[in-house]
Protein backbone atom coordinates (compact mmCIF):
# COMPACT_ATOMS: atom_id res chain seq x y z
CA UNK A 1 9.90 24.21 -39.35
CA UNK A 2 9.41 23.97 -35.59
CA UNK A 3 9.41 27.09 -33.48
CA UNK A 4 12.64 27.80 -31.58
CA UNK A 5 13.35 26.55 -28.08
CA UNK A 6 11.02 23.57 -28.29
CA UNK A 7 12.28 20.58 -26.28
CA UNK A 8 13.89 18.01 -28.52
CA UNK A 9 14.87 14.45 -27.82
CA UNK A 10 18.41 13.65 -29.03
CA UNK A 11 17.56 9.94 -28.98
CA UNK A 12 14.81 10.42 -31.60
CA UNK A 13 16.72 12.35 -34.24
CA UNK A 14 16.06 15.73 -32.68
CA UNK A 15 12.28 15.64 -33.12
CA UNK A 16 10.19 17.34 -30.41
CA UNK A 17 9.37 15.06 -27.55
CA UNK A 18 5.86 13.72 -26.97
CA UNK A 19 5.17 13.38 -23.27
CA UNK A 20 1.92 12.24 -21.70
CA UNK A 21 0.85 12.73 -18.11
CA UNK A 22 -1.82 10.25 -17.04
CA UNK A 23 -3.64 10.80 -13.75
CA UNK A 24 -6.46 8.72 -12.30
CA UNK A 25 -9.51 10.81 -11.39
CA UNK A 26 -10.20 11.15 -7.63
CA UNK A 27 -8.40 7.84 -7.24
CA UNK A 28 -9.09 6.83 -3.63
CA UNK A 29 -12.69 8.05 -3.73
CA UNK A 30 -13.27 6.38 -7.09
CA UNK A 31 -12.00 3.06 -5.74
CA UNK A 32 -14.45 3.34 -2.84
CA UNK A 33 -17.30 3.99 -5.28
CA UNK A 34 -16.13 1.11 -7.46
CA UNK A 35 -16.16 -1.36 -4.57
CA UNK A 36 -19.38 -0.02 -3.05
CA UNK A 37 -21.86 0.80 -5.83
CA UNK A 38 -24.23 2.41 -3.31
CA UNK A 39 -21.72 5.29 -3.08
CA UNK A 40 -21.79 6.07 -6.79
CA UNK A 41 -23.12 9.52 -7.57
CA UNK A 42 -22.74 10.59 -3.93
CA UNK A 43 -20.27 13.06 -2.35
CA UNK A 44 -17.63 10.65 -1.01
CA UNK A 45 -14.78 11.99 1.12
CA UNK A 46 -11.87 9.71 1.99
CA UNK A 47 -10.27 10.78 5.27
CA UNK A 48 -10.75 11.09 8.99
CA UNK A 49 -13.80 12.71 10.54
CA UNK A 50 -12.10 13.90 13.70
CA UNK A 51 -11.32 17.54 14.46
CA UNK A 52 -7.83 17.02 13.04
CA UNK A 53 -8.79 14.82 10.14
CA UNK A 54 -7.57 15.64 6.66
CA UNK A 55 -9.23 14.94 3.32
CA UNK A 56 -7.16 12.44 1.36
CA UNK A 57 -9.45 12.32 -1.66
CA UNK A 58 -12.88 13.60 -2.65
CA UNK A 59 -15.23 12.41 -5.37
CA UNK A 60 -16.25 14.91 -8.01
CA UNK A 61 -19.69 15.05 -6.42
CA UNK A 62 -18.00 16.37 -3.26
CA UNK A 63 -15.65 18.66 -5.19
CA UNK A 64 -18.65 20.56 -6.53
CA UNK A 65 -19.02 21.90 -2.98
CA UNK A 66 -15.38 23.02 -2.85
CA UNK A 67 -13.97 19.97 -1.02
CA UNK A 68 -10.34 19.32 -1.97
CA UNK A 69 -7.51 16.99 -1.00
CA UNK A 70 -5.42 18.07 2.02
CA UNK A 71 -8.32 20.17 3.31
CA UNK A 72 -9.12 19.84 7.04
CA UNK A 73 -12.10 17.53 7.52
CA UNK A 74 -13.82 20.16 9.66
CA UNK A 75 -13.81 22.56 6.74
CA UNK A 76 -14.97 19.82 4.35
CA UNK A 77 -17.97 19.04 6.57
CA UNK A 78 -18.95 22.72 6.60
CA UNK A 79 -18.74 22.94 2.82
CA UNK A 80 -20.47 19.62 2.22
CA UNK A 81 -22.63 18.58 5.24
CA UNK A 82 -24.07 15.66 3.28
CA UNK A 83 -20.60 14.31 2.49
CA UNK A 84 -20.03 10.63 3.22
CA UNK A 85 -16.72 10.10 5.02
CA UNK A 86 -15.00 6.74 4.55
CA UNK A 87 -11.68 5.62 6.06
CA UNK A 88 -8.86 4.93 3.66
CA UNK A 89 -7.87 1.40 2.61
CA UNK A 90 -4.30 1.77 1.48
CA UNK A 91 -3.83 -1.93 0.75
CA UNK A 92 -6.73 -1.79 -1.70
CA UNK A 93 -5.44 1.35 -3.40
CA UNK A 94 -2.03 -0.28 -3.78
CA UNK A 95 -3.68 -3.35 -5.31
CA UNK A 96 -5.45 -1.25 -7.94
CA UNK A 97 -2.29 0.81 -8.44
CA UNK A 98 -0.42 -2.27 -9.63
CA UNK A 99 -3.03 -2.76 -12.37
CA UNK A 100 -2.82 0.94 -13.26
CA UNK A 101 0.95 0.66 -13.66
CA UNK A 102 0.52 -2.45 -15.82
CA UNK A 103 -1.76 -0.50 -18.17
CA UNK A 104 0.74 2.38 -18.37
CA UNK A 105 3.53 -0.05 -19.25
CA UNK A 106 1.52 -1.32 -22.23
CA UNK A 107 1.75 2.07 -23.95
CA UNK A 108 5.35 3.15 -23.41
CA UNK A 109 8.67 1.52 -22.56
CA UNK A 110 9.54 4.65 -20.54
CA UNK A 111 7.14 5.22 -17.65
CA UNK A 112 7.94 7.40 -14.63
CA UNK A 113 5.46 6.91 -11.77
CA UNK A 114 4.86 9.93 -9.57
CA UNK A 115 2.50 8.30 -7.09
CA UNK A 116 0.08 5.39 -6.85
CA UNK A 117 -2.23 6.86 -9.49
CA UNK A 118 -0.24 9.03 -11.90
CA UNK A 119 2.78 8.81 -14.17
CA UNK A 120 4.61 10.40 -17.06
CA UNK A 121 4.84 8.34 -20.26
CA UNK A 122 7.30 9.12 -23.04
CA UNK A 123 5.35 8.50 -26.26
CA UNK A 124 8.13 9.76 -28.54
CA UNK A 125 8.66 7.26 -31.36
CA UNK A 126 5.75 4.97 -30.44
CA UNK A 127 3.65 5.95 -33.47
CA UNK A 128 4.28 2.69 -35.31
CA UNK A 129 2.90 0.72 -32.39
CA UNK A 130 0.02 2.85 -31.09
CA UNK A 131 -0.56 5.43 -33.83
CA UNK A 132 -0.54 9.13 -32.98
CA UNK A 133 -0.24 10.34 -29.40
CA UNK A 134 -3.97 11.16 -29.39
CA UNK A 135 -4.80 7.64 -30.57
CA UNK A 136 -2.51 6.14 -27.95
CA UNK A 137 -4.11 8.20 -25.20
CA UNK A 138 -7.61 7.22 -26.27
CA UNK A 139 -6.61 3.57 -26.30
CA UNK A 140 -5.00 3.95 -22.86
CA UNK A 141 -8.18 5.47 -21.44
CA UNK A 142 -10.27 2.62 -22.85
CA UNK A 143 -7.86 -0.04 -21.60
CA UNK A 144 -7.81 1.54 -18.13
CA UNK A 145 -11.60 1.48 -17.95
CA UNK A 146 -11.67 -2.15 -19.04
CA UNK A 147 -9.02 -3.37 -16.60
CA UNK A 148 -9.79 -1.28 -13.51
CA UNK A 149 -13.31 0.08 -13.95
CA UNK A 150 -11.87 3.56 -13.34
CA UNK A 151 -11.22 6.58 -15.53
CA UNK A 152 -7.98 8.41 -16.20
CA UNK A 153 -7.33 11.90 -17.54
CA UNK A 154 -4.44 12.49 -19.92
CA UNK A 155 -2.46 15.52 -21.03
CA UNK A 156 -0.02 15.43 -23.98
CA UNK A 157 2.65 18.04 -24.66
CA UNK A 158 6.32 18.50 -25.62
CA UNK A 159 7.29 19.08 -21.96
CA UNK A 160 6.57 17.45 -18.63
CA UNK A 161 5.17 20.59 -17.04
CA UNK A 162 2.76 21.31 -19.87
CA UNK A 163 1.58 17.69 -19.97
CA UNK A 164 0.82 17.82 -16.24
CA UNK A 165 -1.05 21.11 -16.59
CA UNK A 166 -3.14 19.70 -19.44
CA UNK A 167 -4.10 16.55 -17.55
CA UNK A 168 -5.23 18.71 -14.63
CA UNK A 169 -7.28 20.89 -16.98
CA UNK A 170 -8.88 17.88 -18.68
CA UNK A 171 -10.37 16.40 -15.50
CA UNK A 172 -12.59 14.55 -15.08
CA UNK A 173 -12.21 11.80 -17.70
CA UNK A 174 -10.64 14.11 -20.28
CA UNK A 175 -7.87 14.27 -22.83
CA UNK A 176 -6.04 17.42 -23.97
CA UNK A 177 -3.06 17.73 -26.30
CA UNK A 178 -0.93 20.59 -27.55
CA UNK A 179 1.75 20.72 -30.24
CA UNK A 180 5.11 22.49 -29.97
CA UNK A 181 4.00 25.44 -32.11
CA UNK A 182 1.26 26.33 -29.61
CA UNK A 183 3.17 25.61 -26.39
CA UNK A 184 4.43 29.12 -25.56
CA UNK A 185 1.17 30.99 -26.30
CA UNK A 186 -0.71 28.39 -24.24
CA UNK A 187 1.60 28.80 -21.25
CA UNK A 188 1.69 32.60 -21.38
CA UNK A 189 -2.09 32.85 -20.94
CA UNK A 190 -2.07 30.81 -17.72
CA UNK A 191 -1.96 32.20 -14.17
CA UNK A 192 1.60 32.13 -12.88
CA UNK A 193 0.76 29.68 -10.07
CA UNK A 194 0.47 26.97 -12.73
CA UNK A 195 4.27 26.82 -12.96
CA UNK A 196 5.98 24.11 -10.96
CA UNK A 197 7.64 25.51 -7.87
CA UNK A 198 5.27 28.45 -7.44
CA UNK A 199 3.62 27.88 -4.08
CA UNK A 200 1.67 30.22 -1.86
CA UNK A 201 4.68 32.21 -0.62
CA UNK A 202 6.35 32.52 -4.03
CA UNK A 203 3.03 33.47 -5.62
CA UNK A 204 2.55 36.32 -3.16
CA UNK A 205 6.05 37.63 -3.92
CA UNK A 206 5.49 37.36 -7.69
CA UNK A 207 2.22 39.27 -7.37
CA UNK A 208 4.01 41.97 -5.37
CA UNK A 209 6.29 42.43 -8.40
CA UNK A 210 3.30 42.72 -10.74
CA UNK A 211 3.65 39.18 -12.09
CA UNK A 212 0.25 37.49 -12.38
CA UNK A 213 0.46 35.37 -15.52
CA UNK A 214 3.10 33.08 -16.99
CA UNK A 215 3.46 35.63 -19.79
CA UNK A 216 4.23 38.37 -17.26
CA UNK A 217 7.02 36.21 -15.88
CA UNK A 218 8.39 35.29 -19.32
CA UNK A 219 8.69 38.93 -20.33
CA UNK A 220 10.65 40.02 -17.24
CA UNK A 221 14.39 40.58 -17.33
CA UNK A 222 16.34 37.59 -16.01
CA UNK A 223 18.65 39.82 -14.00
CA UNK A 224 15.68 41.43 -12.29
CA UNK A 225 14.24 38.02 -11.44
CA UNK A 226 17.58 36.80 -10.09
CA UNK A 227 17.84 39.85 -7.83
CA UNK A 228 14.32 39.34 -6.52
CA UNK A 229 14.15 35.54 -6.28
CA UNK A 230 17.73 34.27 -6.35
CA UNK A 231 18.51 31.19 -8.45
CA UNK A 232 14.81 30.33 -8.61
CA UNK A 233 14.15 33.44 -10.73
CA UNK A 234 16.00 32.31 -13.90
CA UNK A 235 14.62 28.77 -13.46
CA UNK A 236 11.03 30.00 -13.38
CA UNK A 237 11.76 32.28 -16.34
CA UNK A 238 12.98 29.29 -18.35
CA UNK A 239 9.84 27.28 -17.59
CA UNK A 240 7.66 30.28 -18.41
CA UNK A 241 9.19 30.35 -21.89
CA UNK A 242 8.31 26.71 -22.54
CA UNK A 243 11.82 25.34 -22.04
CA UNK A 244 11.84 22.19 -19.93
CA UNK A 245 14.51 19.66 -20.88
CA UNK A 246 13.75 17.24 -18.05
CA UNK A 247 13.23 13.76 -19.54
CA UNK A 248 10.84 11.05 -18.47
CA UNK A 249 12.98 8.75 -16.33
CA UNK A 250 12.02 5.14 -16.94
CA UNK A 251 14.33 3.62 -14.36
CA UNK A 252 12.69 5.66 -11.57
CA UNK A 253 13.22 4.20 -8.13
CA UNK A 254 11.88 5.15 -4.76
CA UNK A 255 14.26 7.03 -2.53
CA UNK A 256 12.33 6.41 0.66
CA UNK A 257 9.30 4.77 2.24
CA UNK A 258 7.24 6.37 4.96
CA UNK A 259 4.07 6.39 7.03
CA UNK A 260 2.79 9.27 9.14
CA UNK A 261 -0.45 10.65 10.53
CA UNK A 262 -1.88 13.43 12.64
CA UNK A 263 -3.55 12.41 15.90
CA UNK A 264 -7.10 13.16 16.97
CA UNK A 265 -5.60 14.44 20.25
CA UNK A 266 -2.05 15.34 21.28
CA UNK A 267 0.02 12.47 22.69
CA UNK A 268 2.61 12.32 25.45
CA UNK A 269 6.14 11.65 24.23
CA UNK A 270 6.54 8.49 26.33
CA UNK A 271 2.97 7.21 26.04
CA UNK A 272 2.03 3.70 24.98
CA UNK A 273 -0.30 5.27 22.44
CA UNK A 274 2.60 6.92 20.63
CA UNK A 275 4.59 3.67 20.75
CA UNK A 276 1.57 1.88 19.32
CA UNK A 277 1.47 4.28 16.39
CA UNK A 278 5.19 3.87 15.67
CA UNK A 279 4.85 0.08 15.74
CA UNK A 280 1.92 0.23 13.31
CA UNK A 281 3.88 2.51 10.98
CA UNK A 282 7.01 0.36 11.17
CA UNK A 283 5.11 -2.83 10.39
CA UNK A 284 3.26 -1.22 7.47
CA UNK A 285 6.51 0.05 5.94
CA UNK A 286 8.21 -3.31 6.48
CA UNK A 287 5.44 -5.10 4.57
CA UNK A 288 5.90 -2.73 1.65
CA UNK A 289 9.67 -3.17 1.70
CA UNK A 290 9.31 -6.96 1.59
CA UNK A 291 6.71 -6.77 -1.17
CA UNK A 292 9.02 -4.60 -3.28
CA UNK A 293 12.00 -6.79 -2.36
CA UNK A 294 14.07 -3.97 -0.93
CA UNK A 295 15.69 -3.21 2.42
CA UNK A 296 16.66 0.02 4.12
CA UNK A 297 19.56 1.10 6.31
CA UNK A 298 18.40 4.43 7.74
CA UNK A 299 15.37 4.84 10.01
CA UNK A 300 14.03 8.38 10.56
CA UNK A 301 11.53 9.54 13.14
CA UNK A 302 9.45 12.62 12.39
CA UNK A 303 7.48 14.45 15.09
CA UNK A 304 5.32 17.54 14.85
CA UNK A 305 5.07 19.28 18.20
CA UNK A 306 1.75 20.58 19.52
CA UNK A 307 3.16 24.09 19.85
CA UNK A 308 1.42 26.49 17.43
CA UNK A 309 3.67 28.89 15.57
CA UNK A 310 0.81 30.71 13.89
CA UNK A 311 -0.82 30.42 10.46
CA UNK A 312 -1.37 26.69 10.97
CA UNK A 313 2.34 25.94 11.42
CA UNK A 314 3.95 23.74 14.09
CA UNK A 315 7.61 22.92 14.82
CA UNK A 316 8.88 19.66 13.36
CA UNK A 317 11.66 17.51 14.80
CA UNK A 318 13.43 14.66 13.04
CA UNK A 319 15.89 12.09 14.32
CA UNK A 320 17.66 9.37 12.31
CA UNK A 321 19.76 6.28 12.90
CA UNK A 322 21.65 4.19 10.32
CA UNK A 323 21.88 0.44 10.84
CA UNK A 324 24.97 -1.61 10.11
CA UNK A 325 22.90 -3.84 7.82
CA UNK A 326 19.84 -3.04 5.74
CA UNK A 327 16.58 -4.51 6.99
CA UNK A 328 12.94 -5.05 6.07
CA UNK A 329 11.98 -6.44 9.48
CA UNK A 330 9.18 -4.54 11.21
CA UNK A 331 10.39 -5.40 14.70
CA UNK A 332 13.83 -3.94 14.04
CA UNK A 333 12.43 -0.84 12.36
CA UNK A 334 10.08 -0.08 15.24
CA UNK A 335 12.76 -0.80 17.82
CA UNK A 336 14.94 1.90 16.26
CA UNK A 337 12.03 4.33 15.82
CA UNK A 338 10.96 4.00 19.45
CA UNK A 339 14.57 4.27 20.58
CA UNK A 340 14.86 7.59 18.75
CA UNK A 341 12.24 9.01 21.13
CA UNK A 342 15.00 9.15 23.75
CA UNK A 343 16.77 11.74 21.61
CA UNK A 344 13.77 14.10 21.70
CA UNK A 345 13.61 16.70 24.51
CA UNK A 346 10.78 16.08 26.95
CA UNK A 347 8.09 18.64 27.62
CA UNK A 348 6.14 18.94 24.38
CA UNK A 349 3.13 16.90 23.40
CA UNK A 350 3.06 15.34 19.95
CA UNK A 351 0.60 16.29 17.20
CA UNK A 352 1.94 14.10 14.37
CA UNK A 353 4.34 11.17 14.18
CA UNK A 354 5.91 9.46 11.21
CA UNK A 355 8.49 6.81 10.40
CA UNK A 356 10.55 7.01 7.19
CA UNK A 357 13.12 4.61 5.71
CA UNK A 358 16.04 5.75 3.52
CA UNK A 359 19.24 4.34 1.99
CA UNK A 360 17.49 1.57 0.08
CA UNK A 361 19.01 -1.46 -1.57
CA UNK A 362 17.65 -4.52 -3.29
CA UNK A 363 16.90 -7.38 -0.91
CA UNK A 364 19.12 -9.77 -2.87
CA UNK A 365 22.00 -7.31 -2.40
CA UNK A 366 21.74 -7.52 1.39
CA UNK A 367 24.35 -10.18 2.09
CA UNK A 368 24.24 -12.21 5.26
CA UNK A 369 26.83 -11.18 7.83
CA UNK A 370 29.50 -13.89 8.03
CA UNK A 371 30.09 -12.97 11.65
CA UNK A 372 26.43 -12.81 12.66
CA UNK A 373 26.22 -14.51 16.03
CA UNK A 374 22.47 -15.03 15.72
CA UNK A 375 21.81 -16.70 12.35
CA UNK A 376 18.98 -18.78 13.81
CA UNK A 377 17.27 -15.64 15.11
CA UNK A 378 17.46 -14.04 11.66
CA UNK A 379 15.99 -17.17 10.09
CA UNK A 380 13.14 -17.18 12.59
CA UNK A 381 12.40 -13.54 11.85
CA UNK A 382 12.33 -14.26 8.13
CA UNK A 383 9.87 -17.12 8.61
CA UNK A 384 7.72 -15.01 10.94
CA UNK A 385 7.60 -12.14 8.46
CA UNK A 386 6.61 -14.49 5.66
CA UNK A 387 3.78 -15.80 7.82
CA UNK A 388 2.66 -12.25 8.68
CA UNK A 389 2.72 -11.27 5.00
CA UNK A 390 0.66 -14.32 4.04
CA UNK A 391 -1.98 -13.57 6.68
CA UNK A 392 -2.26 -9.86 5.89
CA UNK A 393 -2.37 -10.58 2.14
CA UNK A 394 -5.37 -12.83 2.65
CA UNK A 395 -7.23 -11.16 5.50
CA UNK A 396 -6.05 -7.53 5.49
CA UNK A 397 -3.47 -5.47 7.38
CA UNK A 398 -5.48 -5.42 10.62
CA UNK A 399 -5.95 -9.21 10.81
CA UNK A 400 -2.71 -9.82 12.70
CA UNK A 401 -0.40 -7.35 14.41
CA UNK A 402 2.42 -7.31 16.92
CA UNK A 403 1.76 -6.31 20.50
CA UNK A 404 0.54 -2.70 20.97
CA UNK A 405 0.41 -2.32 17.19
CA UNK A 406 -3.23 -1.38 16.70
CA UNK A 407 -3.53 2.34 15.97
CA UNK A 408 -6.31 4.47 14.57
CA UNK A 409 -5.29 6.59 11.60
CA UNK A 410 -7.02 9.82 10.74
CA UNK A 411 -6.33 9.25 7.03
CA UNK A 412 -4.21 7.07 4.72
CA UNK A 413 -0.64 8.06 5.34
CA UNK A 414 1.54 6.36 2.78
CA UNK A 415 4.46 8.41 1.57
CA UNK A 416 6.29 7.73 -1.69
CA UNK A 417 9.35 9.65 -2.75
């Protein structure tokens, strides 16, 4: 008889769920080592080398020195002076990501991607096809190596959170699994920061209340936690007790597309350099929209002002505009993004700029406007975009750009939500 409070799947007769979290190891850095064998076994750091550069990915050789993703490049160079910095190649990572997703789809009909290189897979009820969850995971790891040349770490558990924790613990190239009867004791022994939603600020507050492990949190009174942490308190208490009913969502869809990056030096609000960056971002997003056969109605501009607030924080401004018709045209996207600069107060220099697209719809759902007075212009834009896509697909994203569009990026800046 299963222990109480274990997540059960009503679609599988009430049996405990079997959820896998698969995560490629040091994905961007591993792709660089795959494509350039001379980098294998060396401390590779993907990201910008400038004073404001950020580490996007680090090989395990570099991680031995303490280098981690999202770390400032300056700090990474101090920790690992012999580190080899390489610029990101987002188009290549996306290419490999499509193969990764294909492999995931071979092992479960319900796959929920979280990013280019990781996903949840619901393995409940797949035993007749792939054997036990452990057997399925081993086969997935082998298939991934065969089809991509890369390795993937896998965690298997009755809940999403536990599966993600186990995949993290199994890196690199590992596989860990836990059954429902061991779930709660396993969680209770972990540091409390392992729980989803516990960031630096929440962790400090939990520690102030004498909560250092997941078990400490699970044993606290819910009313006490609600008084101290509001609605988050009971939620964290539930997770700490191994209760996580969130399913793997197979029909996952992106809610937005975005590109952003931090500059090597602060930019003037009305400078051509800032416009150049926004054009580059808009074109990159438009290519991805067309590739995924979707359009967007809302364009958002994000700016981080070069006005320090202390503790590494800077004020962020955002401005948005919703179009009458959804678009995947880079020229229209950048026109709106640049126009939004007029709604930003002058005076501050800009540290970071990003363009994000929301309110998505399938491209075939975007009906032509019967009263469009410029049908020929729309047709010309469509043909131009097809030509641009064909050139960039063959020769790379930098082979052909619109005027002012060339822009140096400190690090890969794709955003998926």
